[in-house]
Protein backbone atom coordinates (compact mmCIF):
# COMPACT_ATOMS: atom_id res chain seq x y z
CA MET A 1 37.07 96.73 20.23
CA GLY A 2 40.04 94.46 20.68
CA ARG A 3 43.33 94.56 18.83
CA TYR A 4 44.39 91.46 16.91
CA LYS A 5 47.76 89.99 16.12
CA VAL A 6 47.86 89.92 12.33
CA THR A 7 50.43 88.06 10.24
CA GLN A 8 51.14 88.23 6.53
CA THR A 9 48.54 86.50 4.36
CA LEU A 10 49.97 83.63 2.30
CA ASP A 11 48.92 83.02 -1.30
CA LEU A 12 47.98 79.35 -1.35
CA ARG A 13 47.21 79.02 -5.06
CA SER A 14 50.18 76.75 -5.63
CA ALA A 15 48.85 74.28 -3.06
CA SER A 16 46.13 73.03 -5.38
CA GLY A 17 46.61 69.92 -7.47
CA ILE A 18 44.86 69.44 -10.83
CA TYR A 19 42.77 66.30 -11.24
CA VAL A 20 41.75 65.30 -14.73
CA SER A 21 40.39 61.87 -13.85
CA TRP A 22 38.37 60.52 -10.96
CA GLY A 23 35.79 57.82 -10.44
CA GLY A 24 36.73 56.30 -13.78
CA MET A 25 35.78 59.51 -15.62
CA THR A 26 38.07 61.90 -17.46
CA THR A 27 37.51 65.61 -17.91
CA THR A 28 37.82 67.12 -21.38
CA ILE A 29 37.85 70.76 -22.36
CA ASN A 30 34.31 70.39 -23.77
CA GLU A 31 32.78 69.43 -20.43
CA PRO A 32 31.31 72.07 -18.09
CA GLN A 33 33.79 73.36 -15.55
CA HIS A 34 33.53 75.05 -12.16
CA ASP A 35 36.20 77.39 -10.82
CA VAL A 36 37.31 76.83 -7.22
CA THR A 37 38.24 80.00 -5.33
CA ASN A 38 40.69 80.52 -2.49
CA PRO A 39 38.72 82.36 0.23
CA VAL A 40 41.88 84.01 1.54
CA THR A 41 42.75 85.78 -1.71
CA GLY A 42 39.52 85.57 -3.70
CA GLU A 43 41.49 84.10 -6.61
CA VAL A 44 40.72 81.01 -8.67
CA ILE A 45 43.02 78.11 -7.72
CA ASP A 46 41.66 75.32 -9.91
CA SER A 47 38.64 74.07 -11.82
CA VAL A 48 36.72 70.80 -11.80
CA ARG A 49 34.28 69.10 -14.09
CA ILE A 50 30.61 69.62 -13.26
CA TYR A 51 28.32 66.57 -13.38
CA ASP A 52 24.57 66.54 -13.91
CA GLU A 53 21.72 64.25 -12.91
CA ALA A 54 22.18 61.94 -15.90
CA ASP A 55 25.88 61.56 -15.04
CA THR A 56 24.90 60.73 -11.48
CA VAL A 57 22.43 58.05 -12.51
CA ALA A 58 25.09 56.49 -14.72
CA ALA A 59 27.65 56.62 -11.90
CA ILE A 60 25.22 54.92 -9.52
CA GLU A 61 24.64 52.15 -12.04
CA ARG A 62 28.40 51.62 -12.38
CA ALA A 63 28.70 51.64 -8.61
CA ARG A 64 25.90 49.09 -8.30
CA SER A 65 27.72 46.71 -10.63
CA ALA A 66 31.05 47.21 -8.87
CA GLN A 67 29.48 46.81 -5.43
CA LYS A 68 28.66 43.17 -6.02
CA GLN A 69 32.31 42.27 -6.45
CA TRP A 70 33.36 44.60 -3.64
CA ALA A 71 30.92 42.88 -1.27
CA GLU A 72 32.67 39.58 -2.03
CA THR A 73 36.07 41.08 -1.15
CA SER A 74 37.29 39.60 2.10
CA MET A 75 37.15 41.64 5.27
CA LYS A 76 40.90 41.13 5.56
CA GLU A 77 41.48 42.84 2.20
CA ARG A 78 39.07 45.69 3.01
CA ARG A 79 40.94 46.25 6.26
CA LYS A 80 44.29 46.34 4.44
CA ILE A 81 43.01 49.04 2.11
CA MET A 82 41.71 51.17 4.97
CA LEU A 83 44.93 50.85 6.92
CA ARG A 84 46.93 51.79 3.82
CA TYR A 85 44.73 54.86 3.48
CA HIS A 86 45.37 55.58 7.17
CA ASP A 87 49.11 55.57 6.50
CA LEU A 88 48.86 57.57 3.28
CA VAL A 89 46.77 60.38 4.71
CA LEU A 90 49.33 60.74 7.52
CA GLU A 91 52.39 60.42 5.27
CA LYS A 92 51.03 62.93 2.73
CA GLN A 93 49.45 65.23 5.25
CA ALA A 94 51.42 68.26 4.09
CA GLU A 95 49.83 67.99 0.64
CA VAL A 96 46.40 67.38 2.19
CA LEU A 97 46.76 70.30 4.58
CA ASP A 98 47.81 72.65 1.78
CA GLN A 99 44.82 71.59 -0.28
CA LEU A 100 42.42 71.98 2.61
CA GLN A 101 43.67 75.46 3.41
CA ALA A 102 43.69 76.51 -0.23
CA GLU A 103 39.98 75.94 -0.76
CA THR A 104 38.57 76.55 2.74
CA GLY A 105 40.79 79.29 4.14
CA LYS A 106 40.91 77.54 7.52
CA ASN A 107 43.96 77.69 9.76
CA ARG A 108 46.55 74.90 9.79
CA ALA A 109 45.49 73.36 13.10
CA SER A 110 41.84 73.14 11.99
CA ALA A 111 42.96 71.51 8.76
CA PHE A 112 44.98 68.96 10.73
CA ALA A 113 41.83 68.03 12.66
CA GLU A 114 40.50 66.63 9.38
CA VAL A 115 43.62 64.56 8.77
CA LEU A 116 43.37 63.22 12.30
CA ASP A 117 39.67 62.43 11.86
CA SER A 118 40.30 60.53 8.62
CA ALA A 119 43.08 58.49 10.19
CA LEU A 120 40.93 57.68 13.24
CA ALA A 121 37.95 56.69 11.08
CA SER A 122 39.95 54.37 8.82
CA ARG A 123 41.67 52.73 11.77
CA HIS A 124 38.52 52.38 13.87
CA TYR A 125 36.38 50.79 11.18
CA GLY A 126 39.27 49.00 9.55
CA TYR A 127 39.79 47.02 12.72
CA GLY A 128 36.23 47.05 14.04
CA ALA A 129 34.05 46.25 11.04
CA LYS A 130 34.63 42.49 11.13
CA GLU A 131 33.22 42.17 14.63
CA LEU A 132 30.29 44.47 13.89
CA LEU A 133 29.34 42.60 10.72
CA LYS A 134 29.78 39.02 11.82
CA THR A 135 26.72 36.82 12.18
CA LYS A 136 25.49 37.05 15.76
CA ARG A 137 23.62 34.43 17.75
CA VAL A 138 20.68 35.90 19.69
CA ARG A 139 18.11 34.37 22.01
CA GLY A 140 15.43 32.38 20.26
CA ALA A 141 11.79 31.96 21.23
CA PHE A 142 12.61 29.02 23.51
CA PRO A 143 16.01 27.83 24.79
CA LEU A 144 17.48 24.91 22.87
CA VAL A 145 14.53 24.38 20.52
CA THR A 146 14.91 27.70 18.64
CA LYS A 147 18.23 28.86 17.20
CA THR A 148 18.19 32.48 15.97
CA GLU A 149 20.96 34.39 14.23
CA VAL A 150 21.22 37.87 12.73
CA GLU A 151 23.19 38.40 9.54
CA ARG A 152 24.25 41.74 8.02
CA ASP A 153 24.33 42.49 4.28
CA PRO A 154 25.43 45.74 2.63
CA ILE A 155 22.61 47.96 1.41
CA GLY A 156 24.12 48.56 -2.03
CA VAL A 157 25.00 52.08 -3.19
CA VAL A 158 25.30 54.76 -0.52
CA GLY A 159 24.91 58.35 -1.65
CA ILE A 160 26.77 60.96 0.41
CA ILE A 161 26.10 64.68 0.12
CA SER A 162 28.91 66.43 1.98
CA PRO A 163 29.38 70.06 3.12
CA TRP A 164 32.13 72.62 2.56
CA ASN A 165 33.28 73.18 6.13
CA TYR A 166 35.08 69.83 6.62
CA PRO A 167 35.58 68.57 3.07
CA LEU A 168 37.74 65.58 4.05
CA ALA A 169 36.29 64.54 7.41
CA LEU A 170 32.68 64.80 6.25
CA SER A 171 33.24 63.16 2.88
CA ILE A 172 35.88 60.43 2.73
CA ALA A 173 35.74 59.71 6.47
CA ASP A 174 31.95 59.34 6.20
CA ALA A 175 32.41 56.96 3.27
CA ILE A 176 34.76 54.66 5.20
CA PRO A 177 32.15 52.77 7.29
CA ALA A 178 29.89 52.42 4.24
CA LEU A 179 32.78 50.94 2.26
CA MET A 180 33.83 48.63 5.09
CA ALA A 181 30.25 47.33 5.24
CA GLY A 182 30.59 46.26 1.59
CA ASN A 183 28.76 49.13 -0.09
CA ALA A 184 29.79 51.31 -3.01
CA VAL A 185 29.66 55.09 -2.54
CA VAL A 186 28.73 57.94 -4.86
CA LEU A 187 29.63 61.24 -3.21
CA LYS A 188 28.66 64.81 -4.05
CA PRO A 189 31.07 67.34 -2.52
CA ASP A 190 30.09 70.96 -2.04
CA LEU A 191 31.07 73.01 -5.08
CA GLN A 192 33.01 75.42 -2.88
CA THR A 193 35.38 72.63 -1.76
CA PRO A 194 35.55 69.75 -4.27
CA LEU A 195 39.34 69.47 -4.49
CA THR A 196 39.94 67.91 -1.07
CA PRO A 197 37.42 65.07 -1.54
CA LEU A 198 38.97 64.38 -4.94
CA LEU A 199 42.42 64.24 -3.35
CA GLY A 200 41.09 61.97 -0.59
CA ALA A 201 39.62 59.65 -3.19
CA GLU A 202 42.95 59.50 -5.03
CA LEU A 203 44.58 58.38 -1.77
CA MET A 204 41.90 55.71 -1.44
CA TYR A 205 42.63 54.47 -4.96
CA GLU A 206 46.33 54.47 -4.20
CA ALA A 207 45.54 52.36 -1.15
CA GLY A 208 43.87 49.79 -3.39
CA LEU A 209 40.18 50.73 -3.49
CA PRO A 210 38.56 50.08 -6.89
CA ARG A 211 37.66 53.38 -8.54
CA GLU A 212 34.08 52.44 -9.34
CA VAL A 213 33.44 51.66 -5.67
CA LEU A 214 34.03 55.30 -4.66
CA GLN A 215 33.07 58.00 -7.16
CA ILE A 216 33.27 61.74 -6.48
CA LEU A 217 30.88 63.87 -8.54
CA PRO A 218 31.11 67.65 -8.14
CA GLY A 219 27.88 69.30 -9.20
CA LYS A 220 24.82 71.25 -8.14
CA GLY A 221 22.41 70.00 -5.53
CA THR A 222 19.59 70.25 -8.05
CA GLU A 223 21.47 67.90 -10.36
CA VAL A 224 23.90 65.57 -8.56
CA GLY A 225 22.12 65.85 -5.21
CA GLN A 226 18.79 64.96 -6.77
CA GLY A 227 20.37 62.16 -8.76
CA ILE A 228 21.61 60.68 -5.49
CA VAL A 229 18.43 61.03 -3.46
CA LYS A 230 16.32 59.62 -6.30
CA ASN A 231 18.54 56.61 -7.05
CA ALA A 232 20.89 55.66 -4.21
CA ASP A 233 19.96 52.90 -1.78
CA TYR A 234 20.82 55.05 1.25
CA VAL A 235 21.40 58.79 1.67
CA MET A 236 23.88 60.39 4.10
CA PHE A 237 23.64 64.19 4.32
CA THR A 238 25.40 66.86 6.36
CA GLY A 239 24.03 70.38 6.11
CA SER A 240 21.13 72.61 7.04
CA THR A 241 17.98 71.41 8.78
CA GLU A 242 15.84 72.89 6.02
CA THR A 243 17.57 70.93 3.26
CA GLY A 244 17.83 67.81 5.42
CA LYS A 245 14.08 67.70 5.91
CA LYS A 246 13.48 67.89 2.17
CA LEU A 247 15.96 65.11 1.41
CA ALA A 248 14.61 62.94 4.22
CA ALA A 249 11.09 63.30 2.81
CA GLN A 250 12.31 62.26 -0.64
CA ALA A 251 14.14 59.26 0.80
CA ALA A 252 11.06 58.27 2.80
CA GLU A 253 8.95 58.40 -0.35
CA ARG A 254 11.24 55.73 -1.81
CA LEU A 255 11.49 53.82 1.50
CA VAL A 256 15.28 54.10 1.56
CA GLY A 257 17.34 54.94 4.62
CA PHE A 258 18.43 58.47 5.48
CA SER A 259 20.89 59.85 8.00
CA GLY A 260 21.50 63.54 8.52
CA GLU A 261 23.62 65.74 10.74
CA LEU A 262 21.84 69.07 10.56
CA GLY A 263 21.86 72.46 12.27
CA GLY A 264 22.77 73.38 15.82
CA LYS A 265 22.79 76.22 18.33
CA ASN A 266 25.23 74.66 20.74
CA PRO A 267 25.38 75.83 24.38
CA LEU A 268 28.25 75.90 26.85
CA ILE A 269 27.72 76.08 30.62
CA ILE A 270 30.31 77.37 33.08
CA THR A 271 29.35 76.15 36.53
CA HIS A 272 29.64 77.84 39.92
CA ASP A 273 32.73 75.76 40.79
CA ALA A 274 34.66 76.29 37.54
CA LYS A 275 38.15 77.78 37.67
CA PRO A 276 38.16 80.55 35.03
CA SER A 277 41.93 80.75 34.68
CA ASP A 278 42.10 77.04 33.85
CA ILE A 279 39.39 76.97 31.19
CA VAL A 280 39.68 80.18 29.15
CA ASP A 281 41.79 78.73 26.34
CA SER A 282 39.65 75.61 25.98
CA VAL A 283 36.45 77.66 25.90
CA ARG A 284 37.94 79.91 23.23
CA GLU A 285 38.76 76.89 21.09
CA ALA A 286 35.21 75.58 21.63
CA CYS A 287 33.83 78.75 20.07
CA PHE A 288 36.30 79.64 17.33
CA ALA A 289 37.79 76.40 15.97
CA ASN A 290 37.55 76.36 12.19
CA SER A 291 36.46 80.03 12.34
CA GLY A 292 33.27 78.89 14.06
CA GLN A 293 32.24 77.03 10.90
CA LEU A 294 31.68 73.78 12.73
CA CYS A 295 28.33 72.10 13.30
CA ILE A 296 29.26 71.35 16.92
CA SER A 297 31.02 74.60 17.86
CA ILE A 298 29.64 76.80 20.64
CA GLU A 299 27.45 79.82 19.87
CA ARG A 300 25.93 80.60 23.29
CA MET A 301 27.43 80.55 26.75
CA TYR A 302 25.81 80.51 30.20
CA VAL A 303 28.19 81.66 32.93
CA HIS A 304 27.35 81.29 36.63
CA ARG A 305 27.32 84.63 38.42
CA ASP A 306 29.81 83.37 41.02
CA VAL A 307 32.57 83.20 38.39
CA ALA A 308 31.34 85.66 35.77
CA ASP A 309 33.43 88.62 36.98
CA GLN A 310 36.58 86.52 36.65
CA PHE A 311 35.76 84.60 33.50
CA ILE A 312 34.30 87.22 31.15
CA PRO A 313 37.25 89.68 31.20
CA ALA A 314 39.74 86.82 30.91
CA PHE A 315 37.81 85.31 28.00
CA ARG A 316 37.60 88.66 26.24
CA SER A 317 41.35 89.16 26.60
CA ALA A 318 42.04 85.67 25.27
CA VAL A 319 39.88 86.30 22.22
CA GLU A 320 41.55 89.63 21.53
CA ALA A 321 44.94 87.91 21.67
CA MET A 322 44.02 85.49 18.87
CA GLN A 323 46.32 85.41 15.85
CA ILE A 324 44.23 85.64 12.69
CA ALA A 325 45.72 85.08 9.25
CA GLY A 326 45.48 83.25 5.97
CA ASP A 327 48.79 81.44 6.23
CA ASN A 328 50.07 77.95 7.02
CA ASP A 329 51.63 78.85 10.37
CA TRP A 330 50.71 76.32 13.05
CA GLN A 331 50.46 79.17 15.58
CA THR A 332 47.63 80.90 13.71
CA ASP A 333 44.44 80.60 15.77
CA MET A 334 41.85 81.36 13.10
CA GLY A 335 41.67 81.72 9.35
CA SER A 336 39.15 83.01 6.85
CA LEU A 337 35.48 82.22 6.48
CA ILE A 338 34.48 80.26 3.40
CA SER A 339 33.33 83.23 1.29
CA PRO A 340 32.46 86.92 1.39
CA GLU A 341 28.81 85.97 1.02
CA HIS A 342 28.91 83.82 4.12
CA MET A 343 30.88 86.46 6.01
CA ASN A 344 28.17 89.01 5.18
CA LYS A 345 25.48 86.68 6.53
CA VAL A 346 27.37 86.33 9.80
CA ASP A 347 27.81 90.09 10.02
CA GLU A 348 24.10 90.67 9.37
CA LEU A 349 23.23 88.52 12.39
CA VAL A 350 25.69 90.45 14.54
CA GLN A 351 24.47 93.85 13.39
CA ASP A 352 20.84 92.84 13.88
CA ALA A 353 21.63 91.81 17.46
CA VAL A 354 23.48 95.07 18.14
CA ALA A 355 20.65 97.13 16.68
CA LYS A 356 18.25 95.40 19.05
CA GLY A 357 20.37 96.08 22.16
CA ALA A 358 23.23 93.57 22.25
CA LYS A 359 26.65 94.73 23.44
CA VAL A 360 29.85 93.93 21.57
CA LEU A 361 32.49 92.83 24.07
CA THR A 362 35.01 92.32 21.29
CA GLY A 363 35.02 91.89 17.51
CA GLY A 364 31.79 92.44 15.65
CA LYS A 365 33.26 93.48 12.31
CA PRO A 366 34.85 92.22 9.08
CA LEU A 367 38.63 92.32 8.71
CA PRO A 368 39.08 93.39 5.06
CA GLU A 369 42.76 94.16 5.63
CA LEU A 370 43.31 90.39 5.84
CA GLY A 371 41.15 89.33 2.91
CA PRO A 372 37.63 89.37 1.49
CA ALA A 373 36.12 86.81 3.88
CA PHE A 374 37.79 87.42 7.25
CA TYR A 375 35.68 88.28 10.30
CA ALA A 376 36.81 89.20 13.78
CA PRO A 377 36.13 86.60 16.49
CA THR A 378 33.15 88.14 18.21
CA VAL A 379 31.75 88.00 21.74
CA LEU A 380 28.36 89.56 22.49
CA SER A 381 26.39 90.06 25.68
CA ASP A 382 22.82 91.11 26.42
CA VAL A 383 21.51 89.60 23.19
CA PRO A 384 17.71 90.04 23.28
CA GLU A 385 15.40 87.18 22.43
CA ASP A 386 14.00 89.01 19.42
CA ALA A 387 17.44 89.14 17.81
CA ASP A 388 17.84 86.60 15.00
CA PHE A 389 21.18 85.42 16.42
CA TYR A 390 19.53 84.44 19.71
CA ARG A 391 18.07 81.30 18.12
CA GLN A 392 19.50 81.08 14.61
CA GLU A 393 22.76 79.32 13.85
CA ALA A 394 25.41 81.81 12.71
CA PHE A 395 27.94 79.17 11.66
CA GLY A 396 30.72 81.65 12.17
CA PRO A 397 33.06 83.10 14.83
CA VAL A 398 30.34 84.58 17.04
CA VAL A 399 29.21 83.67 20.56
CA PHE A 400 26.99 85.38 23.10
CA ILE A 401 27.30 85.28 26.88
CA GLU A 402 24.52 85.28 29.47
CA VAL A 403 25.13 85.41 33.22
CA VAL A 404 22.88 83.05 35.21
CA ASP A 405 22.16 82.73 38.92
CA SER A 406 22.30 78.94 39.16
CA ASP A 407 23.47 75.86 37.34
CA GLU A 408 19.82 74.80 37.07
CA GLU A 409 18.98 78.01 35.23
CA ALA A 410 21.87 77.37 32.88
CA VAL A 411 20.47 73.94 32.00
CA ARG A 412 17.01 75.39 31.36
CA ARG A 413 18.40 78.03 29.03
CA ALA A 414 20.68 75.57 27.29
CA ASN A 415 17.70 73.32 26.52
CA ASP A 416 15.55 76.20 25.30
CA THR A 417 16.19 75.58 21.62
CA GLU A 418 14.79 73.56 18.73
CA TYR A 419 18.25 72.08 18.21
CA GLY A 420 20.17 69.43 20.12
CA LEU A 421 23.46 68.60 18.45
CA ASN A 422 26.26 69.32 20.92
CA ALA A 423 26.69 70.89 24.34
CA SER A 424 29.50 71.49 26.80
CA VAL A 425 29.90 71.92 30.56
CA PHE A 426 33.00 73.40 32.21
CA GLY A 427 33.44 73.02 35.95
CA LYS A 428 34.24 70.50 38.65
CA GLU A 429 33.78 67.13 36.97
CA SER A 430 31.26 65.78 39.48
CA THR A 431 29.11 68.89 39.06
CA ALA A 432 29.46 68.94 35.30
CA ARG A 433 28.57 65.25 35.04
CA LYS A 434 25.23 65.82 36.80
CA LEU A 435 24.35 68.66 34.47
CA ALA A 436 25.48 66.77 31.36
CA SER A 437 22.78 64.12 31.83
CA GLN A 438 20.12 66.85 31.85
CA LEU A 439 21.13 68.42 28.54
CA GLU A 440 19.08 67.64 25.43
CA ALA A 441 21.91 67.02 22.99
CA GLY A 442 23.44 64.12 21.11
CA THR A 443 26.86 64.77 22.60
CA VAL A 444 27.87 66.57 25.78
CA ASN A 445 31.52 67.36 26.48
CA ILE A 446 32.87 67.98 29.97
CA ASN A 447 35.73 70.50 30.22
CA GLU A 448 36.06 70.35 26.44
CA GLY A 449 34.09 72.04 23.69
CA TRP A 450 33.51 69.30 21.13
CA ALA A 451 36.69 67.33 20.35
CA ALA A 452 36.34 64.74 23.13
CA GLY A 453 32.93 63.57 21.96
CA TRP A 454 33.73 63.83 18.26
CA SER A 455 36.94 61.82 18.46
CA SER A 456 35.42 59.03 20.58
CA PHE A 457 34.74 56.83 17.56
CA ASP A 458 33.27 54.03 19.66
CA ALA A 459 30.38 56.34 20.61
CA PRO A 460 27.55 57.58 18.37
CA MET A 461 27.60 61.17 17.12
CA GLY A 462 24.43 62.95 16.03
CA GLY A 463 21.61 65.28 16.93
CA TRP A 464 18.39 65.41 18.89
CA LYS A 465 15.33 67.47 17.93
CA GLN A 466 15.88 69.46 14.71
CA SER A 467 19.59 68.65 14.63
CA GLY A 468 19.24 65.45 12.67
CA MET A 469 18.46 61.76 12.58
CA GLY A 470 20.68 58.73 12.53
CA ARG A 471 24.23 58.68 13.81
CA ARG A 472 27.79 58.67 12.54
CA HIS A 473 30.56 56.96 14.55
CA GLY A 474 30.03 54.03 16.93
CA GLU A 475 28.44 50.79 15.79
CA GLN A 476 25.44 52.72 14.44
CA GLY A 477 27.76 54.63 12.12
CA LEU A 478 28.45 51.40 10.25
CA LEU A 479 25.37 49.26 10.85
CA LYS A 480 23.08 51.92 9.36
CA TYR A 481 24.65 51.01 6.02
CA THR A 482 23.52 47.38 6.31
CA GLU A 483 20.33 45.35 6.03
CA PRO A 484 19.80 42.91 8.93
CA ARG A 485 18.52 39.42 8.17
CA THR A 486 17.11 37.24 10.95
CA VAL A 487 17.49 33.49 10.40
CA ALA A 488 15.61 31.32 12.93
CA ALA A 489 15.75 27.52 12.99
CA GLN A 490 13.11 25.58 14.95
CA ARG A 491 14.05 22.20 16.42
CA VAL A 492 12.16 19.25 17.85
CA ILE A 493 8.71 20.84 18.11
CA PRO A 494 6.94 23.45 15.95
CA LEU A 495 5.68 26.73 17.36
CA SER A 496 3.26 27.80 14.66
CA ARG A 497 0.78 24.89 14.97
CA PRO A 498 -0.41 22.55 17.76
CA PHE A 499 1.70 19.41 18.10
CA LEU A 500 -0.91 17.78 20.31
CA ASP A 501 -4.34 16.63 19.12
CA ASP A 502 -5.94 18.76 21.78
CA GLY A 503 -5.24 22.43 21.06
CA ALA A 504 -6.07 23.41 24.62
CA GLN A 505 -3.44 20.98 25.94
CA TRP A 506 -0.92 22.44 23.49
CA ALA A 507 -1.65 25.99 24.68
CA GLY A 508 -1.46 24.87 28.31
CA LEU A 509 1.90 23.21 27.78
CA LEU A 510 3.37 26.33 26.15
CA THR A 511 1.94 28.48 28.95
CA LEU A 512 3.63 26.28 31.53
CA ALA A 513 6.89 26.39 29.57
CA LEU A 514 6.81 30.18 29.44
CA LYS A 515 6.20 30.47 33.15
CA SER A 516 8.93 27.97 33.98
CA ALA A 517 11.46 29.63 31.68
CA ARG A 518 10.68 33.20 32.73
CA ASP A 519 13.85 33.66 34.76
CA LEU A 520 15.98 31.96 32.12
CA LEU A 521 14.87 34.45 29.48
CA ARG A 522 15.75 37.59 31.42
């Protein structure tokens, strides 16, 4: 087992703000409350009001009324609000970072990734929405005589069900394109991390967003979640594949749109021409960012035999040198997991693998001396296929390594999964690029674990196979929140009925026109 650099755990209770009003609603002492716990210390840091299904239905009705006026707000004004939010989240990042760390236990650098994501999202869609939403001229049935345009209208009320692992990036940042498209948003945060979305919403209100247009409702999935999926005009969900399937089925029953980023078992390939000394730190970050509690982090690694003897010892040493703590030091590499319960689930997967023959290269144990939910960054080898961790997502700081004899074998093993969210290839760029196009994943990063693809906001982000449907980011990340309307004007001659007395002559004339215009319509 490796030795870890441990620093003093910081009590972050004082980092939490207390919110008594959000979304136009005010908490009173008679309303049901939920205590929010700091994973680092196990202590309660704050409490929030709990909403139920009836509250959610009422909030959606308020949002539906407010949305009509919001949709009439000029794109210029919407952009101003988003750019003000951009500035606020950067100016007040210390407060945001403290709040994020207080309720998630993540390290400072992982918390900053959420601030960066929120700023990028607000800037990208703040500037880009106007072009995406403008009426577009498209080719009509025949040149000159048919004019066809596509308009975009907001859907109405978008319901967002967000997870605990990135409570700012996967809540407020997901709401931004929906809001820029002219929708209202009702958002259910995870009950483990409701304070950050509430703080993000307050920054939105400070930037000028009407409160009824973005409402944050902490509550249970069986109450608020069901209120959203039964009443919203579109549902955006980030979470497990099992839950995503159920919500998608409910949305389909109502014929409303659904988008979901779901589970993953993300692979990383190290090619025969990789330089181990140059990539060790980046590979480590790919596996252990946010304590491995990241939908697109790496959980399995395929290392070419030509470089395995160099890479594996260097990687093990780099992992053992990680600084693990529950503080706000920017040098800390990894923080706590979200809860003791989740930590135990991660440990169960590790112990099951070990019992079935896996070897622990480093880690493989809780770190109770740091706090109730800390787990050592863990590297396994020789994980057998009958081990649960071989195919199940751990969603924690655990990765297994397999040595392969060829890059082609690495691709085959990487694709041998029901998931397809993210993948990574480290090696000479020309080699890695060839392999990237063979991987069955929504994003593939070259010489980077996940950040390059995630932060490329012009490109879609989402999963293949059981990893989801729909996309966030890119034009699809905004247009999914709109209804397209095709408006076609016919000039000079009609298309739907013969304009000659002889129908055969009419058909012959159109046939000739189609043949003559074939090259023009390419």
